[in-house]
Amino acid sequence: QHDGSTPPDRALAKLREGNERFTTGRAEKTKNFKAEHREALATHGQLPMAAILGCADSRAPIEIVFDVKPGDLFVLRNAGNTLSHAEGSVVGSLEYCVGPLKAKLIVVLGHTKCGAMMGATQTMLSAQKAAKDGAPAKQSALEKLLSGLGPVAQQAQHELGSGASAEDIAAHVVKVNVFAGMERLLIYSEPIREKVRSGEVQLH
């Protein structure tokens, strides 16, 4: 494009191509990252093709999973790729990426076997039991994070039905949480909402 940014459809295609290389053992981009590439980024700045909100899970390193070089992606990670509240650091950073950095694609990325989703499911089930027993709720930072994911865990539980196991619920929460994150991002951020509405930015 005339502003140097990558069109969203092309950025999404490049992510898919990179992930295909990763899953088939043909990753190549990070191996070919040379000193001159690093110097160019330091001198000329960054122009990432996409922003990724991913999980902090050590088994899901975003740049490696998509086989990209430094400078290709603007990555934000936390436990469970969550947007359960209007987190200023996450929302503001994404606004920065699609604003001054001109990225045209935002991806909210979940993954299988997510510990945060299992934790959120167990926290929800424990809270349901505690409500019946009259026990006090826990207040650690982790418990607050997992409790904030309660609504998506409850939605997953409702969609699967009362007979679903904790493991089944947690697996389904991964998908529910991604769509909830996309929806919340549009609610919390007017600049991103307007860019998506106009077609300037795609949200996946």
Protein backbone atom coordinates (compact mmCIF):
# COMPACT_ATOMS: atom_id res chain seq x y z
CA GLN A 1 0.00 0.00 0.00
CA HIS A 2 1.01 3.63 -0.48
CA ASP A 3 1.67 4.10 3.26
CA GLY A 4 3.97 1.07 3.43
CA SER A 5 1.53 -1.04 5.45
CA THR A 6 0.58 -4.61 4.57
CA PRO A 7 -3.02 -5.10 3.37
CA PRO A 8 -4.99 -7.19 5.92
CA ASP A 9 -5.74 -10.06 3.53
CA ARG A 10 -2.06 -10.35 2.61
CA ALA A 11 -1.01 -10.18 6.27
CA LEU A 12 -3.46 -12.96 7.17
CA ALA A 13 -2.20 -15.08 4.27
CA LYS A 14 1.40 -14.61 5.41
CA LEU A 15 0.47 -15.70 8.94
CA ARG A 16 -1.19 -18.83 7.59
CA GLU A 17 1.79 -19.58 5.35
CA GLY A 18 4.18 -19.13 8.27
CA ASN A 19 2.12 -21.34 10.54
CA GLU A 20 2.08 -24.02 7.83
CA ARG A 21 5.88 -23.89 7.69
CA PHE A 22 6.05 -24.16 11.49
CA THR A 23 3.66 -27.10 11.76
CA THR A 24 5.46 -29.01 8.99
CA GLY A 25 8.94 -28.38 10.37
CA ARG A 26 10.02 -26.00 7.59
CA ALA A 27 10.38 -22.77 9.61
CA GLU A 28 12.98 -20.49 8.07
CA LYS A 29 12.47 -16.80 8.84
CA THR A 30 14.22 -16.52 12.21
CA LYS A 31 17.16 -18.55 10.88
CA ASN A 32 17.69 -15.98 8.12
CA PHE A 33 17.52 -12.89 10.34
CA LYS A 34 20.85 -11.13 9.84
CA ALA A 35 22.66 -8.22 11.46
CA GLU A 36 21.65 -5.86 8.65
CA HIS A 37 17.98 -6.64 9.33
CA ARG A 38 18.45 -5.75 12.98
CA GLU A 39 20.26 -2.54 12.07
CA ALA A 40 17.48 -1.56 9.65
CA LEU A 41 14.85 -1.96 12.37
CA ALA A 42 16.92 0.11 14.77
CA THR A 43 17.49 2.84 12.18
CA HIS A 44 14.17 3.02 10.37
CA GLY A 45 11.73 1.83 13.03
CA GLN A 46 8.99 -0.77 12.88
CA LEU A 47 6.06 -1.30 10.54
CA PRO A 48 4.49 -4.58 11.69
CA MET A 49 2.04 -6.27 9.35
CA ALA A 50 -0.29 -7.33 12.20
CA ALA A 51 -1.00 -7.13 15.91
CA ILE A 52 -1.47 -10.38 17.82
CA LEU A 53 -3.11 -10.73 21.23
CA GLY A 54 -1.92 -14.16 22.34
CA CYS A 55 -1.50 -16.28 25.44
CA ALA A 56 1.61 -16.05 27.61
CA ASP A 57 1.88 -19.86 27.61
CA SER A 58 5.56 -20.77 27.09
CA ARG A 59 4.51 -23.43 24.59
CA ALA A 60 2.94 -20.88 22.23
CA PRO A 61 5.67 -18.37 21.21
CA ILE A 62 3.92 -16.18 18.65
CA GLU A 63 6.82 -15.26 16.36
CA ILE A 64 7.94 -18.88 16.17
CA VAL A 65 4.44 -20.26 15.63
CA PHE A 66 4.01 -17.94 12.64
CA ASP A 67 7.64 -18.20 11.46
CA VAL A 68 8.22 -14.45 11.22
CA LYS A 69 11.19 -12.16 11.73
CA PRO A 70 11.58 -9.45 14.39
CA GLY A 71 9.64 -6.42 13.20
CA ASP A 72 6.91 -8.42 11.45
CA LEU A 73 4.44 -8.66 14.34
CA PHE A 74 3.35 -6.46 17.22
CA VAL A 75 2.75 -9.02 19.98
CA LEU A 76 0.80 -8.68 23.23
CA ARG A 77 0.59 -11.69 25.54
CA ASN A 78 -1.05 -12.47 28.85
CA ALA A 79 -2.48 -15.56 30.52
CA GLY A 80 -5.42 -16.66 28.43
CA ASN A 81 -5.13 -13.88 25.80
CA THR A 82 -7.76 -12.19 27.91
CA LEU A 83 -9.64 -8.93 27.60
CA SER A 84 -12.01 -9.51 30.51
CA HIS A 85 -11.73 -5.84 31.51
CA ALA A 86 -10.79 -2.66 29.63
CA GLU A 87 -7.09 -3.28 30.18
CA GLY A 88 -5.46 0.02 29.24
CA SER A 89 -2.09 -1.51 28.43
CA VAL A 90 -3.57 -4.05 26.00
CA VAL A 91 -6.21 -1.86 24.38
CA GLY A 92 -3.95 1.17 24.24
CA SER A 93 -1.12 -0.85 22.73
CA LEU A 94 -3.42 -2.23 20.03
CA GLU A 95 -4.63 1.29 19.27
CA TYR A 96 -0.98 2.32 18.91
CA CYS A 97 -0.31 -0.55 16.52
CA VAL A 98 -3.21 0.20 14.16
CA GLY A 99 -2.63 3.95 14.55
CA PRO A 100 0.95 5.24 14.31
CA LEU A 101 2.32 1.81 13.28
CA LYS A 102 -0.35 1.42 10.54
CA ALA A 103 -1.08 -2.31 11.02
CA LYS A 104 -4.25 -3.38 9.23
CA LEU A 105 -4.84 -6.72 10.97
CA ILE A 106 -5.54 -7.68 14.59
CA VAL A 107 -5.66 -11.36 15.56
CA VAL A 108 -6.91 -12.63 18.92
CA LEU A 109 -5.18 -15.99 19.24
CA GLY A 110 -6.17 -18.84 21.54
CA HIS A 111 -4.58 -22.28 21.74
CA THR A 112 -5.45 -25.81 22.78
CA LYS A 113 -4.66 -27.10 26.28
CA CYS A 114 -4.66 -23.55 27.65
CA GLY A 115 -3.90 -23.57 31.38
CA ALA A 116 -5.68 -20.26 31.90
CA MET A 117 -8.87 -21.63 30.37
CA MET A 118 -8.70 -24.70 32.57
CA GLY A 119 -8.03 -22.46 35.55
CA ALA A 120 -10.98 -20.25 34.64
CA THR A 121 -13.20 -23.31 34.31
CA GLN A 122 -12.12 -24.69 37.68
CA THR A 123 -12.51 -21.27 39.29
CA MET A 124 -16.03 -20.99 37.89
CA LEU A 125 -16.99 -24.46 39.11
CA SER A 126 -15.47 -23.73 42.54
CA ALA A 127 -17.35 -20.42 42.70
CA GLN A 128 -20.60 -22.18 41.89
CA LYS A 129 -19.94 -24.64 44.70
CA ALA A 130 -18.83 -21.88 47.08
CA ALA A 131 -22.02 -19.95 46.39
CA LYS A 132 -24.01 -22.95 47.53
CA ASP A 133 -21.80 -23.50 50.59
CA GLY A 134 -21.50 -19.83 51.53
CA ALA A 135 -17.68 -19.91 51.38
CA PRO A 136 -15.74 -16.62 50.84
CA ALA A 137 -14.23 -15.91 47.44
CA LYS A 138 -10.46 -15.91 47.01
CA GLN A 139 -8.76 -12.59 46.31
CA SER A 140 -5.28 -13.27 44.86
CA ALA A 141 -4.35 -11.52 41.62
CA LEU A 142 -4.48 -14.86 39.80
CA GLU A 143 -7.91 -15.63 41.22
CA LYS A 144 -9.16 -12.22 40.12
CA LEU A 145 -7.82 -12.85 36.61
CA LEU A 146 -9.45 -16.25 36.41
CA SER A 147 -12.69 -14.96 37.93
CA GLY A 148 -12.76 -12.30 35.21
CA LEU A 149 -12.93 -15.16 32.71
CA GLY A 150 -15.95 -16.57 34.54
CA PRO A 151 -18.52 -15.29 32.01
CA VAL A 152 -16.84 -17.03 29.07
CA ALA A 153 -16.50 -20.23 31.12
CA GLN A 154 -20.18 -20.01 32.02
CA GLN A 155 -21.11 -19.48 28.37
CA ALA A 156 -19.07 -22.52 27.34
CA GLN A 157 -20.70 -24.57 30.11
CA HIS A 158 -24.15 -23.46 28.96
CA GLU A 159 -23.43 -24.26 25.29
CA LEU A 160 -22.17 -27.76 26.12
CA GLY A 161 -24.90 -28.63 28.60
CA SER A 162 -24.92 -29.79 32.21
CA GLY A 163 -23.19 -33.11 31.57
CA ALA A 164 -19.97 -31.61 30.24
CA SER A 165 -16.73 -32.36 32.08
CA ALA A 166 -14.32 -29.68 33.25
CA GLU A 167 -11.93 -30.74 30.47
CA ASP A 168 -14.63 -30.40 27.80
CA ILE A 169 -15.67 -27.00 29.12
CA ALA A 170 -12.07 -25.75 29.24
CA ALA A 171 -11.48 -26.86 25.64
CA HIS A 172 -14.60 -25.02 24.49
CA VAL A 173 -13.75 -21.92 26.54
CA VAL A 174 -10.68 -21.41 24.28
CA LYS A 175 -12.95 -20.65 21.32
CA VAL A 176 -15.55 -18.73 23.33
CA ASN A 177 -12.83 -16.56 24.87
CA VAL A 178 -11.38 -15.60 21.48
CA PHE A 179 -14.74 -14.34 20.21
CA ALA A 180 -15.40 -12.62 23.54
CA GLY A 181 -12.02 -10.88 23.30
CA MET A 182 -12.81 -9.64 19.80
CA GLU A 183 -16.19 -8.35 20.93
CA ARG A 184 -14.77 -6.62 24.00
CA LEU A 185 -12.00 -4.98 22.01
CA LEU A 186 -14.63 -3.38 19.78
CA ILE A 187 -16.57 -2.26 22.86
CA TYR A 188 -13.57 -0.86 24.72
CA SER A 189 -11.84 0.94 21.83
CA GLU A 190 -13.60 3.52 19.70
CA PRO A 191 -10.60 4.04 17.36
CA ILE A 192 -10.35 0.31 16.62
CA ARG A 193 -14.13 -0.01 16.32
CA GLU A 194 -14.22 2.76 13.72
CA LYS A 195 -11.29 1.32 11.74
CA VAL A 196 -12.94 -2.12 11.65
CA ARG A 197 -16.29 -0.61 10.69
CA SER A 198 -14.72 1.30 7.81
CA GLY A 199 -12.83 -1.77 6.59
CA GLU A 200 -9.43 -0.19 7.19
CA VAL A 201 -8.56 -2.85 9.79
CA GLN A 202 -9.63 -6.49 9.97
CA LEU A 203 -10.19 -8.28 13.29
CA HIS A 204 -9.86 -12.06 13.43
